Protein backbone atom coordinates (compact mmCIF):
# COMPACT_ATOMS: atom_id res chain seq x y z
CA UNK A 1 -0.03 0.24 -0.39
CA UNK A 2 0.79 3.92 -0.15
CA UNK A 3 2.20 5.44 2.76
CA UNK A 4 3.81 8.20 1.79
CA UNK A 5 4.05 10.85 -0.61
CA UNK A 6 5.99 14.35 -1.01
CA UNK A 7 5.31 16.56 -3.74
CA UNK A 8 7.73 19.56 -4.48
CA UNK A 9 7.59 22.37 -6.75
CA UNK A 10 5.31 20.75 -8.93
CA UNK A 11 2.31 22.60 -10.90
CA UNK A 12 0.43 24.15 -8.28
CA UNK A 13 1.55 22.45 -5.34
CA UNK A 14 4.56 24.27 -3.82
CA UNK A 15 5.39 21.78 -1.36
CA UNK A 16 3.24 18.78 0.21
CA UNK A 17 3.59 16.07 2.59
CA UNK A 18 1.13 13.15 2.89
CA UNK A 19 0.67 10.20 5.09
CA UNK A 20 -1.76 7.10 3.83
CA UNK A 21 -4.09 4.67 5.55
CA UNK A 22 -5.34 1.62 4.07
CA UNK A 23 -9.05 1.45 2.86
CA UNK A 24 -10.84 3.44 0.42
CA UNK A 25 -9.52 7.08 0.48
CA UNK A 26 -11.45 9.99 -0.73
CA UNK A 27 -10.15 13.02 -1.78
CA UNK A 28 -13.03 16.40 -2.44
CA UNK A 29 -12.50 19.68 -3.44
CA UNK A 30 -14.22 22.42 -5.39
CA UNK A 31 -14.15 22.20 -9.18
CA UNK A 32 -10.46 23.24 -10.36
CA UNK A 33 -9.03 23.39 -7.04
CA UNK A 34 -5.97 20.70 -8.35
CA UNK A 35 -7.55 17.47 -7.60
CA UNK A 36 -6.42 15.92 -10.39
CA UNK A 37 -3.07 17.24 -10.06
CA UNK A 38 -2.87 14.61 -7.56
CA UNK A 39 -3.04 12.40 -10.05
CA UNK A 40 -0.79 13.52 -12.03
CA UNK A 41 1.67 13.67 -9.36
CA UNK A 42 1.36 9.68 -9.13
CA UNK A 43 1.63 8.84 -12.77
CA UNK A 44 4.86 11.13 -13.14
CA UNK A 45 6.02 9.42 -9.96
CA UNK A 46 5.24 5.67 -11.56
CA UNK A 47 7.26 6.70 -14.98
CA UNK A 48 4.49 8.57 -17.02
CA UNK A 49 5.98 11.37 -19.48
CA UNK A 50 7.84 14.31 -17.94
CA UNK A 51 7.84 17.83 -19.10
CA UNK A 52 9.12 20.95 -18.37
CA UNK A 53 5.87 22.69 -18.08
CA UNK A 54 5.31 20.54 -14.63
CA UNK A 55 7.67 22.69 -12.97
CA UNK A 56 6.03 25.38 -10.65
CA UNK A 57 9.56 27.07 -10.13
CA UNK A 58 11.32 26.73 -13.71
CA UNK A 59 14.56 27.43 -11.95
CA UNK A 60 14.04 24.75 -9.11
CA UNK A 61 14.07 20.97 -8.95
CA UNK A 62 11.18 18.82 -9.03
CA UNK A 63 10.81 15.76 -6.89
CA UNK A 64 7.84 13.39 -6.67
CA UNK A 65 8.32 10.79 -3.79
CA UNK A 66 6.05 7.79 -3.15
CA UNK A 67 6.83 5.50 -0.21
CA UNK A 68 5.06 1.93 -0.57
CA UNK A 69 5.12 -1.12 1.16
CA UNK A 70 5.52 -3.91 -0.50
CA UNK A 71 6.49 -6.68 2.45
CA UNK A 72 3.36 -8.52 1.57
CA UNK A 73 3.60 -8.53 -2.49
CA UNK A 74 5.40 -10.93 -4.61
CA UNK A 75 7.54 -8.32 -6.08
CA UNK A 76 11.08 -9.55 -5.11
CA UNK A 77 11.15 -11.62 -8.62
CA UNK A 78 11.00 -7.77 -10.49
CA UNK A 79 13.69 -6.86 -7.86
CA UNK A 80 16.05 -9.45 -8.42
CA UNK A 81 15.54 -9.18 -12.49
CA UNK A 82 16.51 -5.67 -12.58
CA UNK A 83 19.40 -6.06 -9.94
CA UNK A 84 17.58 -3.44 -7.69
CA UNK A 85 18.13 -3.74 -3.31
CA UNK A 86 14.49 -4.84 -2.34
CA UNK A 87 13.41 -3.08 0.37
CA UNK A 88 9.95 -3.77 2.43
CA UNK A 89 9.59 0.29 2.60
CA UNK A 90 10.01 0.67 -0.98
CA UNK A 91 10.77 4.21 -2.44
CA UNK A 92 9.83 5.94 -5.82
CA UNK A 93 11.66 8.52 -6.49
CA UNK A 94 10.85 11.08 -10.11
CA UNK A 95 12.92 14.31 -10.34
CA UNK A 96 12.33 16.89 -13.03
CA UNK A 97 15.93 18.93 -13.46
CA UNK A 98 15.17 23.17 -14.52
CA UNK A 99 17.12 21.94 -17.32
CA UNK A 100 14.97 19.70 -18.65
CA UNK A 101 16.53 16.32 -17.65
CA UNK A 102 14.32 13.85 -16.09
CA UNK A 103 15.65 10.97 -13.80
CA UNK A 104 14.19 7.59 -11.81
CA UNK A 105 14.91 6.36 -8.57
CA UNK A 106 13.71 2.99 -6.97
CA UNK A 107 15.49 2.63 -3.82
CA UNK A 108 17.59 5.28 -4.34
CA UNK A 109 19.06 3.37 -7.38
CA UNK A 110 18.68 5.67 -10.57
CA UNK A 111 16.27 3.26 -13.30
CA UNK A 112 15.07 3.78 -16.57
CA UNK A 113 11.79 5.69 -17.26
CA UNK A 114 10.43 2.02 -18.52
CA UNK A 115 11.64 -0.02 -15.36
CA UNK A 116 9.82 2.63 -13.47
CA UNK A 117 6.45 2.09 -15.52
CA UNK A 118 6.67 -1.39 -15.60
CA UNK A 119 7.10 -2.11 -11.10
CA UNK A 120 4.28 1.32 -10.96
CA UNK A 121 2.21 -0.97 -13.48
CA UNK A 122 2.37 -3.89 -10.71
CA UNK A 123 1.93 -1.74 -7.68
CA UNK A 124 -0.77 0.74 -8.83
CA UNK A 125 -3.98 0.95 -11.68
CA UNK A 126 -5.12 4.95 -12.12
CA UNK A 127 -8.07 4.96 -13.48
CA UNK A 128 -8.66 8.23 -15.09
CA UNK A 129 -11.54 9.71 -16.61
CA UNK A 130 -10.72 9.30 -20.24
CA UNK A 131 -10.35 5.41 -19.67
CA UNK A 132 -13.76 4.81 -19.31
CA UNK A 133 -13.88 6.05 -23.42
CA UNK A 134 -11.66 3.14 -23.59
CA UNK A 135 -14.81 0.26 -23.12
CA UNK A 136 -15.93 1.52 -26.77
CA UNK A 137 -12.28 0.02 -27.78
CA UNK A 138 -12.49 -3.80 -28.74
CA UNK A 139 -9.17 -4.54 -28.08
CA UNK A 140 -9.42 -3.04 -24.37
CA UNK A 141 -12.33 -5.08 -24.19
CA UNK A 142 -10.34 -8.03 -24.97
CA UNK A 143 -7.36 -7.27 -22.86
CA UNK A 144 -10.30 -6.79 -19.57
CA UNK A 145 -11.81 -10.08 -20.72
CA UNK A 146 -8.18 -11.23 -20.34
CA UNK A 147 -7.06 -9.77 -17.12
CA UNK A 148 -10.34 -10.97 -15.54
CA UNK A 149 -9.63 -14.64 -17.18
CA UNK A 150 -5.68 -14.97 -15.86
CA UNK A 151 -4.75 -14.92 -19.11
CA UNK A 152 -2.85 -12.14 -19.22
CA UNK A 153 0.79 -14.04 -19.36
CA UNK A 154 -0.33 -16.53 -22.29
CA UNK A 155 -1.52 -13.59 -24.30
CA UNK A 156 1.95 -12.06 -24.09
CA UNK A 157 3.49 -15.16 -25.23
CA UNK A 158 1.24 -15.39 -27.98
CA UNK A 159 1.75 -12.09 -28.81
CA UNK A 160 5.65 -13.07 -29.21
CA UNK A 161 4.92 -16.10 -30.92
CA UNK A 162 2.58 -14.10 -33.43
CA UNK A 163 5.60 -11.57 -34.18
CA UNK A 164 8.37 -14.86 -34.60
CA UNK A 165 5.36 -16.17 -37.16
CA UNK A 166 5.28 -12.40 -38.92
CA UNK A 167 8.92 -12.15 -39.29
CA UNK A 168 9.02 -15.71 -40.76
CA UNK A 169 6.81 -15.13 -43.29
CA UNK A 170 8.20 -11.35 -44.11
CA UNK A 171 11.72 -13.24 -44.35
CA UNK A 172 9.80 -15.95 -46.66
CA UNK A 173 8.44 -13.09 -48.89
CA UNK A 174 11.46 -11.53 -49.15
CA UNK A 175 13.46 -14.13 -50.48
CA UNK A 176 10.64 -14.83 -53.28
CA UNK A 177 11.19 -11.53 -54.46
CA UNK A 178 14.59 -11.79 -54.42
CA UNK A 179 14.45 -14.52 -56.52
CA UNK A 180 11.68 -12.93 -58.72
CA UNK A 181 14.51 -10.20 -59.47
CA UNK A 182 17.99 -12.63 -59.28
CA UNK A 183 15.85 -15.00 -62.02
CA UNK A 184 15.76 -11.79 -64.22
CA UNK A 185 19.37 -11.21 -63.64
CA UNK A 186 21.16 -14.29 -63.45
CA UNK A 187 21.64 -15.51 -66.62
CA UNK A 188 23.62 -11.76 -67.50
CA UNK A 189 25.41 -12.54 -64.21
CA UNK A 190 26.02 -16.14 -65.64
CA UNK A 191 27.43 -15.37 -68.76
CA UNK A 192 29.80 -12.57 -66.98
CA UNK A 193 31.01 -15.26 -64.61
CA UNK A 194 32.04 -17.74 -67.24
CA UNK A 195 33.57 -14.48 -69.54
CA UNK A 196 36.02 -13.63 -66.48
CA UNK A 197 36.25 -17.81 -66.19
CA UNK A 198 37.38 -18.62 -69.51
CA UNK A 199 40.24 -15.83 -69.35
CA UNK A 200 42.33 -17.97 -66.87
CA UNK A 201 43.45 -15.31 -64.45
CA UNK A 202 46.13 -14.44 -63.01
CA UNK A 203 47.08 -12.24 -60.04
CA UNK A 204 50.17 -10.26 -61.49
CA UNK A 205 50.02 -11.99 -65.01
CA UNK A 206 49.35 -8.65 -67.06
CA UNK A 207 52.57 -6.94 -65.48
CA UNK A 208 55.13 -10.32 -66.54
CA UNK A 209 53.58 -10.39 -70.03
CA UNK A 210 54.07 -6.68 -70.63
CA UNK A 211 57.63 -6.79 -69.49
CA UNK A 212 57.87 -9.76 -72.14
CA UNK A 213 56.17 -8.28 -74.89
CA UNK A 214 58.69 -5.22 -74.76
CA UNK A 215 61.46 -7.50 -74.55
CA UNK A 216 60.31 -9.55 -77.84
CA UNK A 217 59.55 -6.24 -79.65
CA UNK A 218 62.85 -5.04 -79.32
CA UNK A 219 64.81 -8.62 -79.85
CA UNK A 220 66.54 -7.29 -82.67
CA UNK A 221 68.40 -4.34 -80.05
CA UNK A 222 68.77 -6.58 -77.88
CA UNK A 223 70.43 -9.24 -79.94
CA UNK A 224 73.01 -6.49 -81.44
CA UNK A 225 73.54 -5.28 -77.88
CA UNK A 226 74.98 -8.78 -76.80
CA UNK A 227 76.97 -10.10 -80.13
CA UNK A 228 78.98 -6.57 -79.68
CA UNK A 229 79.66 -6.93 -76.09
CA UNK A 230 80.36 -10.58 -77.02
CA UNK A 231 82.77 -8.93 -79.81
CA UNK A 232 84.07 -6.65 -77.86
CA UNK A 233 85.55 -8.52 -75.21
CA UNK A 234 86.25 -12.12 -76.66
CA UNK A 235 87.52 -11.63 -79.90
CA UNK A 236 91.12 -11.06 -81.58
CA UNK A 237 90.42 -7.61 -81.67
CA UNK A 238 88.47 -7.06 -78.87
CA UNK A 239 89.64 -5.39 -74.83
CA UNK A 240 90.69 -9.41 -73.92
CA UNK A 241 93.19 -9.97 -77.14
CA UNK A 242 94.89 -6.71 -76.39
CA UNK A 243 94.81 -7.94 -72.02
CA UNK A 244 96.55 -11.10 -73.34
CA UNK A 245 99.27 -9.36 -75.35
CA UNK A 246 99.67 -6.73 -72.49
CA UNK A 247 100.30 -9.78 -70.14
CA UNK A 248 102.71 -10.93 -72.32
CA UNK A 249 104.71 -8.23 -72.63
CA UNK A 250 105.26 -7.86 -69.07
CA UNK A 251 105.28 -11.65 -68.21
CA UNK A 252 109.43 -12.02 -67.91
CA UNK A 253 109.50 -8.70 -65.62
CA UNK A 254 106.82 -10.22 -63.34
CA UNK A 255 109.01 -13.08 -62.58
CA UNK A 256 111.78 -10.81 -61.29
CA UNK A 257 109.56 -7.43 -59.94
CA UNK A 258 106.82 -8.64 -57.21
CA UNK A 259 105.33 -5.05 -58.28
CA UNK A 260 105.20 -6.03 -62.10
CA UNK A 261 103.54 -9.59 -60.93
CA UNK A 262 100.92 -7.73 -58.95
CA UNK A 263 99.70 -5.98 -62.08
CA UNK A 264 99.79 -9.10 -64.17
CA UNK A 265 97.67 -10.74 -61.44
CA UNK A 266 95.22 -7.96 -61.61
CA UNK A 267 95.17 -7.90 -65.87
CA UNK A 268 94.77 -11.57 -65.01
CA UNK A 269 91.39 -11.04 -63.17
CA UNK A 270 90.50 -8.69 -65.46
CA UNK A 271 91.07 -10.97 -68.66
CA UNK A 272 89.01 -13.83 -66.50
CA UNK A 273 85.93 -10.85 -65.80
CA UNK A 274 85.93 -10.01 -69.47
CA UNK A 275 85.85 -13.47 -70.63
CA UNK A 276 82.90 -14.32 -68.61
CA UNK A 277 81.34 -11.17 -69.98
CA UNK A 278 81.75 -12.54 -72.87
CA UNK A 279 80.16 -15.87 -73.03
CA UNK A 280 77.17 -14.60 -71.01
CA UNK A 281 76.61 -12.09 -73.58
CA UNK A 282 76.59 -14.71 -76.37
CA UNK A 283 74.45 -17.20 -74.12
CA UNK A 284 72.03 -14.56 -74.14
CA UNK A 285 71.87 -13.68 -77.59
CA UNK A 286 70.96 -17.48 -78.21
CA UNK A 287 68.49 -16.96 -75.64
CA UNK A 288 66.42 -13.74 -77.36
CA UNK A 289 63.19 -14.24 -78.69
CA UNK A 290 62.32 -13.56 -82.34
CA UNK A 291 58.82 -15.40 -82.68
CA UNK A 292 56.77 -13.33 -84.05
CA UNK A 293 53.61 -15.67 -83.38
CA UNK A 294 54.53 -15.55 -79.62
CA UNK A 295 54.89 -11.98 -80.02
CA UNK A 296 51.16 -11.98 -81.22
CA UNK A 297 49.92 -14.49 -78.69
CA UNK A 298 51.16 -11.93 -76.26
CA UNK A 299 49.45 -8.86 -77.59
CA UNK A 300 45.90 -10.64 -78.12
CA UNK A 301 46.01 -11.87 -74.33
CA UNK A 302 46.89 -8.12 -73.33
CA UNK A 303 44.41 -6.53 -75.69
CA UNK A 304 41.81 -9.00 -73.80
CA UNK A 305 42.84 -7.82 -70.30
CA UNK A 306 42.48 -4.67 -71.03
CA UNK A 307 38.66 -5.07 -72.75
CA UNK A 308 37.64 -6.97 -69.48
CA UNK A 309 38.93 -4.20 -67.28
CA UNK A 310 37.46 -1.79 -69.44
CA UNK A 311 34.23 -3.40 -69.63
CA UNK A 312 33.94 -3.72 -66.20
CA UNK A 313 35.53 -0.67 -65.13
CA UNK A 314 38.25 -1.77 -63.20
CA UNK A 315 42.47 -1.30 -63.52
CA UNK A 316 43.93 -3.92 -62.05
CA UNK A 317 43.69 -8.19 -62.98
CA UNK A 318 43.28 -8.24 -59.35
CA UNK A 319 40.19 -6.04 -59.44
CA UNK A 320 38.88 -8.57 -62.13
CA UNK A 321 39.64 -11.98 -59.79
CA UNK A 322 37.79 -9.76 -57.08
CA UNK A 323 34.75 -9.24 -59.54
CA UNK A 324 35.10 -12.89 -60.54
CA UNK A 325 34.45 -13.83 -56.81
CA UNK A 326 31.55 -12.17 -56.33
CA UNK A 327 29.78 -13.12 -59.10
CA UNK A 328 30.16 -16.64 -58.29
CA UNK A 329 29.38 -15.88 -54.91
CA UNK A 330 26.04 -14.22 -56.23
CA UNK A 331 25.09 -16.91 -59.19
CA UNK A 332 26.09 -19.71 -56.17
CA UNK A 333 23.64 -17.62 -53.84
CA UNK A 334 20.77 -17.80 -56.66
CA UNK A 335 21.44 -21.37 -57.41
CA UNK A 336 20.82 -22.05 -53.74
CA UNK A 337 17.61 -19.95 -53.53
CA UNK A 338 15.13 -22.48 -54.12
CA UNK A 339 16.70 -24.33 -50.84
CA UNK A 340 16.49 -21.17 -48.84
CA UNK A 341 13.41 -21.29 -49.82
CA UNK A 342 12.31 -24.51 -49.09
CA UNK A 343 13.70 -24.26 -45.73
CA UNK A 344 11.40 -21.10 -44.76
CA UNK A 345 8.45 -22.40 -46.16
CA UNK A 346 9.32 -25.07 -43.19
CA UNK A 347 10.13 -22.57 -40.49
CA UNK A 348 7.03 -20.35 -41.79
CA UNK A 349 5.13 -23.05 -41.17
CA UNK A 350 6.48 -24.28 -37.60
CA UNK A 351 6.33 -20.07 -36.03
CA UNK A 352 2.53 -20.59 -37.83
CA UNK A 353 2.25 -24.02 -36.15
CA UNK A 354 3.45 -22.77 -32.78
CA UNK A 355 1.01 -19.42 -33.08
CA UNK A 356 -2.44 -21.30 -33.68
CA UNK A 357 -1.46 -23.41 -30.59
CA UNK A 358 -1.69 -21.60 -27.97
CA UNK A 359 -4.17 -19.20 -29.65
CA UNK A 360 -6.41 -21.96 -29.79
CA UNK A 361 -5.65 -22.45 -26.12
CA UNK A 362 -6.22 -18.93 -25.52
CA UNK A 363 -9.81 -18.82 -27.34
CA UNK A 364 -11.04 -21.49 -25.06
CA UNK A 365 -9.77 -19.84 -22.19
CA UNK A 366 -11.70 -17.16 -23.14
CA UNK A 367 -14.87 -18.77 -24.59
CA UNK A 368 -14.98 -20.18 -21.23
CA UNK A 369 -14.34 -17.23 -19.28
CA UNK A 370 -16.56 -14.79 -21.02
CA UNK A 371 -19.99 -15.96 -19.88
CA UNK A 372 -19.18 -16.15 -16.03
CA UNK A 373 -17.27 -13.08 -16.28
CA UNK A 374 -20.31 -10.97 -18.22
CA UNK A 375 -22.54 -12.97 -15.18
CA UNK A 376 -20.24 -10.98 -12.52
CA UNK A 377 -20.81 -7.71 -14.36
CA UNK A 378 -23.84 -7.41 -14.37
CA UNK A 379 -24.53 -8.82 -10.80
CA UNK A 380 -22.25 -5.94 -10.07
CA UNK A 381 -24.39 -3.66 -12.65
CA UNK A 382 -27.81 -4.70 -10.46
CA UNK A 383 -26.28 -3.24 -6.99
CA UNK A 384 -25.05 0.01 -8.66
CA UNK A 385 -28.61 0.90 -9.11
CA UNK A 386 -29.19 -1.19 -12.79
CA UNK A 387 -31.64 -3.44 -11.66
CA UNK A 388 -32.49 -4.81 -15.75
CA UNK A 389 -28.91 -4.36 -17.07
CA UNK A 390 -27.91 -6.95 -19.19
CA UNK A 391 -24.28 -7.33 -19.92
CA UNK A 392 -22.51 -9.80 -22.44
CA UNK A 393 -19.21 -10.23 -24.47
CA UNK A 394 -20.03 -11.42 -28.15
CA UNK A 395 -17.24 -13.53 -28.08
CA UNK A 396 -16.39 -14.43 -31.86
CA UNK A 397 -13.20 -16.16 -33.85
CA UNK A 398 -11.68 -14.66 -37.19
CA UNK A 399 -8.07 -13.80 -38.39
CA UNK A 400 -4.98 -14.41 -36.64
CA UNK A 401 -3.50 -11.06 -35.00
CA UNK A 402 -0.94 -10.38 -32.08
CA UNK A 403 -3.65 -10.93 -29.28
CA UNK A 404 -4.75 -14.14 -31.02
CA UNK A 405 -7.60 -15.22 -32.58
CA UNK A 406 -10.78 -13.85 -30.85
CA UNK A 407 -12.37 -10.55 -30.73
CA UNK A 408 -14.77 -9.51 -28.11
CA UNK A 409 -17.51 -6.50 -28.13
CA UNK A 410 -19.16 -5.66 -24.68
CA UNK A 411 -22.76 -5.50 -25.80
CA UNK A 412 -25.22 -3.11 -22.76
CA UNK A 413 -28.70 -2.63 -22.37
CA UNK A 414 -30.05 -0.96 -19.01
CA UNK A 415 -33.57 -1.86 -20.03
CA UNK A 416 -35.49 -4.76 -20.23
CA UNK A 417 -37.18 -3.76 -23.28
CA UNK A 418 -34.57 -3.20 -25.05
CA UNK A 419 -31.48 -5.70 -26.48
CA UNK A 420 -28.63 -5.76 -25.86
CA UNK A 421 -26.39 -3.53 -28.32
CA UNK A 422 -22.60 -2.37 -28.04
CA UNK A 423 -21.67 0.08 -25.52
CA UNK A 424 -20.83 2.95 -27.54
CA UNK A 425 -24.39 2.47 -28.97
CA UNK A 426 -26.60 2.45 -25.71
CA UNK A 427 -24.28 3.31 -22.97
CA UNK A 428 -24.94 7.07 -21.62
CA UNK A 429 -21.95 8.18 -19.54
CA UNK A 430 -23.14 7.44 -15.73
CA UNK A 431 -23.62 4.13 -17.04
CA UNK A 432 -20.32 3.50 -18.91
CA UNK A 433 -18.67 5.05 -15.48
CA UNK A 434 -20.55 2.13 -13.56
CA UNK A 435 -19.25 -0.59 -16.02
CA UNK A 436 -15.91 0.51 -15.89
CA UNK A 437 -16.16 0.84 -12.28
CA UNK A 438 -17.54 -3.00 -12.38
CA UNK A 439 -14.91 -4.36 -14.40
CA UNK A 440 -11.56 -2.59 -12.57
CA UNK A 441 -13.37 -3.97 -9.46
CA UNK A 442 -12.96 -7.66 -10.94
CA UNK A 443 -10.15 -6.89 -12.62
CA UNK A 444 -8.45 -5.65 -9.48
CA UNK A 445 -9.62 -8.58 -7.37
CA UNK A 446 -8.20 -10.69 -10.49
CA UNK A 447 -4.53 -8.98 -10.75
CA UNK A 448 -4.16 -8.19 -6.82
CA UNK A 449 -3.32 -5.32 -7.48
CA UNK A 450 -2.64 -3.32 -3.96
CA UNK A 451 -3.85 0.17 -4.86
CA UNK A 452 -6.37 1.48 -7.08
CA UNK A 453 -6.68 5.00 -7.78
CA UNK A 454 -10.38 6.33 -9.55
CA UNK A 455 -10.17 9.96 -11.04
CA UNK A 456 -13.77 10.90 -11.13
CA UNK A 457 -15.60 7.08 -11.70
CA UNK A 458 -18.60 8.63 -10.25
CA UNK A 459 -19.30 10.46 -13.36
CA UNK A 460 -22.91 10.72 -14.30
CA UNK A 461 -24.35 9.07 -11.49
CA UNK A 462 -26.32 10.44 -8.29
CA UNK A 463 -28.38 9.72 -5.33
CA UNK A 464 -28.65 6.40 -4.79
CA UNK A 465 -27.04 5.14 -7.52
CA UNK A 466 -23.81 7.23 -5.79
CA UNK A 467 -24.58 5.95 -2.77
CA UNK A 468 -24.04 2.08 -4.00
CA UNK A 469 -20.78 2.96 -5.53
CA UNK A 470 -19.74 4.27 -2.72
CA UNK A 471 -20.54 1.19 -1.16
CA UNK A 472 -18.90 -0.63 -4.18
CA UNK A 473 -15.44 1.21 -3.87
CA UNK A 474 -15.84 0.34 -0.15
CA UNK A 475 -16.18 -3.18 0.00
CA UNK A 476 -12.75 -2.93 -2.76
CA UNK A 477 -11.07 -1.25 0.19
CA UNK A 478 -11.58 -3.75 2.77
CA UNK A 479 -9.18 -5.88 0.17
CA UNK A 480 -6.70 -3.01 -1.10
CA UNK A 481 -6.23 0.58 -0.81
CA UNK A 482 -8.47 2.24 -2.55
CA UNK A 483 -7.87 6.29 -3.63
CA UNK A 484 -10.90 7.89 -5.45
CA UNK A 485 -11.78 11.51 -6.40
CA UNK A 486 -14.96 12.14 -5.82
CA UNK A 487 -17.50 15.49 -6.11
CA UNK A 488 -20.20 13.25 -4.97
CA UNK A 489 -21.30 13.43 -0.76
CA UNK A 490 -22.48 10.13 -1.06
CA UNK A 491 -19.21 8.67 -1.67
CA UNK A 492 -17.10 10.68 0.23
CA UNK A 493 -19.09 9.43 3.44
CA UNK A 494 -18.07 6.11 2.55
CA UNK A 495 -14.68 6.59 2.92
CA UNK A 496 -12.21 5.66 5.79
CA UNK A 497 -9.91 8.25 5.26
CA UNK A 498 -11.26 11.68 3.31
CA UNK A 499 -8.81 14.26 1.75
CA UNK A 500 -9.44 17.99 0.98
CA UNK A 501 -8.40 19.70 -1.54
CA UNK A 502 -8.17 23.80 -1.51
CA UNK A 503 -6.62 26.63 -4.00
CA UNK A 504 -5.77 29.96 -2.80
CA UNK A 505 -4.19 32.76 -4.93
CA UNK A 506 -1.23 34.61 -2.85
CA UNK A 507 0.32 37.69 -4.66
CA UNK A 508 0.50 36.31 -8.22
CA UNK A 509 0.84 32.94 -6.86
CA UNK A 510 -1.94 29.84 -7.07
CA UNK A 511 -1.24 27.39 -4.73
CA UNK A 512 -2.79 24.02 -4.09
CA UNK A 513 -3.06 22.55 -0.38
CA UNK A 514 -4.00 19.23 0.11
CA UNK A 515 -5.66 18.57 4.11
CA UNK A 516 -6.88 15.30 6.07
CA UNK A 517 -9.97 16.03 7.71
CA UNK A 518 -11.19 14.91 10.82
CA UNK A 519 -14.34 13.38 11.68
CA UNK A 520 -15.95 17.32 12.20
CA UNK A 521 -14.45 18.60 9.11
CA UNK A 522 -15.36 15.69 7.52
CA UNK A 523 -19.12 17.13 8.64
CA UNK A 524 -18.19 20.51 7.21
CA UNK A 525 -17.02 19.46 4.00
CA UNK A 526 -19.75 17.05 3.32
CA UNK A 527 -22.56 19.90 4.20
CA UNK A 528 -21.25 22.29 1.56
CA UNK A 529 -20.64 19.15 -1.17
CA UNK A 530 -24.92 19.06 -0.39
CA UNK A 531 -25.74 22.96 -0.24
CA UNK A 532 -23.22 24.50 -1.78
CA UNK A 533 -20.36 26.65 -0.27
CA UNK A 534 -22.58 27.97 2.70
CA UNK A 535 -24.09 25.18 5.30
CA UNK A 536 -27.24 25.18 6.51
CA UNK A 537 -28.20 22.92 9.69
CA UNK A 538 -29.82 20.65 7.33
CA UNK A 539 -27.20 20.13 5.47
CA UNK A 540 -25.05 19.41 8.55
CA UNK A 541 -27.39 17.36 9.83
CA UNK A 542 -27.59 15.36 6.05
CA UNK A 543 -24.09 14.82 6.24
CA UNK A 544 -23.83 13.61 9.97
CA UNK A 545 -26.64 10.66 8.83
CA UNK A 546 -24.14 9.78 5.60
CA UNK A 547 -21.10 9.64 7.64
CA UNK A 548 -23.44 6.68 10.45
CA UNK A 549 -24.51 5.11 7.24
CA UNK A 550 -21.07 4.18 6.05
C-alpha cells in the first residue's frame, strides 16, 4: 500500500507531504482546485511522461516521491531481475531538473523510466476519466477479459509467437521477391562469370606479359647489343685480345719484380672477367626470342585483359579476380535460393503451428471465461442501481493477430425492453462509468493490485446510485487500498479517510493544498458538497447521517 507521498515544486503544489492509510480514501474539493494534479503526480512518479512545464518554479527541481509497503506482495522477482535492492518500504522517486532532464529512482538506485512504469504497473492501477472511453475499444475489451480470466501471461507469449511468425512470413516473402529479381539477372551474371572464368586470370599476370612483350618487340636491338658485347670482349681485336698481348709483354718482368707481378695478376683477373662477360653475352644472344607468333599471342592476351578491365570499369587483373569472386558468390546464392525458400517455408509453417497451438488454447479459455465474467459484471451493475441491466460479451474467432484469433465486443442494455447492443451505441456517460467500475473491481481482484486509484469514476451518477457506488468502493477498500477523487457526498461519506483539496491565491501565485480531515471537518466538508459554499443546519444533519451510514 501507499504510505507516503511527497511532492515538491509540481504545478500548483509548492510542497506537500501526505501520509496514507489503508482502505478507501476519498479526495474532494471544488472544481479546478487541483484534485487531478495529485493523480498526475502519482503517474509521473510511476514513470509517466515528464515535461518542463510541470515545474512550478522553472529554476528549481521538481521531486515526487512515493513510499510503498510491499512486504506482503510477491514482487521480489522484479527487483532481482532488475538488480535493484529489495526494501519492504520501497521508494519510487522522479526528479525533473530545470534544464529539462528527468531522472528516476527505485530505492535510491537509478532506473530507466520504463522500469519505473513496469514496477508501478504492478503496484498501482490509475483509472483516469478518459479510460471510460476505452470501453468502446474492442482491443481494450479483450484485454479486460484476459485480465479477468488470468490470461495475461499467455497473451504476452502469444504476441511474441505472432511476431515470430510474422517475421518468418516477411523473410519468406523477401526471399521470393529476391528470387524473382535474381532470376531476371541470373543469365547476365552467369555470362559475366563464365567470360571471366574462361579468361583464366592470374594475379600479376599482366605486368609480367607487358614486360615480356616489350622485350620481344626489341629482340633485334637486344641481339645486336649482346653481339657487340661478345665481339668487344672475346674477339682478337677486342679488349680481351689487348689484355692477352699486355700479359705477354710483362710476363718476363713479373718473374723478377713483385710489383710487376701484382699488376700481372690484376690484369689476369680482368681478362677472366671479360671472358665471362663475353660468354654470358653469347648465351643471352641465343635466348633472344624472335618468334612473331609468340608476340602476337602476347598482344592478344593483353588486349583481352584490357578489354575486360574496361568493360567492368576496373584497372587491374586483381580487381577482375575480385569481381569474379563476387559473381561466383551471387550466382551460387541464386542457385541455392530454392533450397533456402524451402527451408524458410518450413520455418513459416512451424511458426504458424506454434502460434495456433497457443492461440487455440487461449481462445478456449476466453470462451470458457466470457459468460461467467459477464454474469459477474451484470450482478455488480444490478447492485449499482441498474436492476434490469444485461451485460454480455459477443465473442467471435477470426483472422490471427498479435492478441490471438478472438475478438470480443461488450453488449449492454439498461432496459429490459431493449436488446443488448454495443456499449458505444446505447450506454450513457453514467452507465459507462458504472460498467467500468464493475470491470475494474473484478480486474483488481484478479490481478491482485494492491492500490487502485479512481479519478471521478462517479461521473454521471447521483442519489441512490452514488450511494451504491460508494459502497462498492468501500468494499474494494477492505481488500486493497482505494483512492477516489469524487464530487459526490454519498461517495465521500463512505471513505475511511478524507482529503480535501483547496486552492488559494497569494499575490500573483496560485497554490494548491491538500489537507486530511478529522470527523468534524468531514461533516463540514460533506455539508458543503450537499448545499454549496454556505452550509445549513439541514445539510449538516444530512452529512452526519451519511457518515453514520457508511
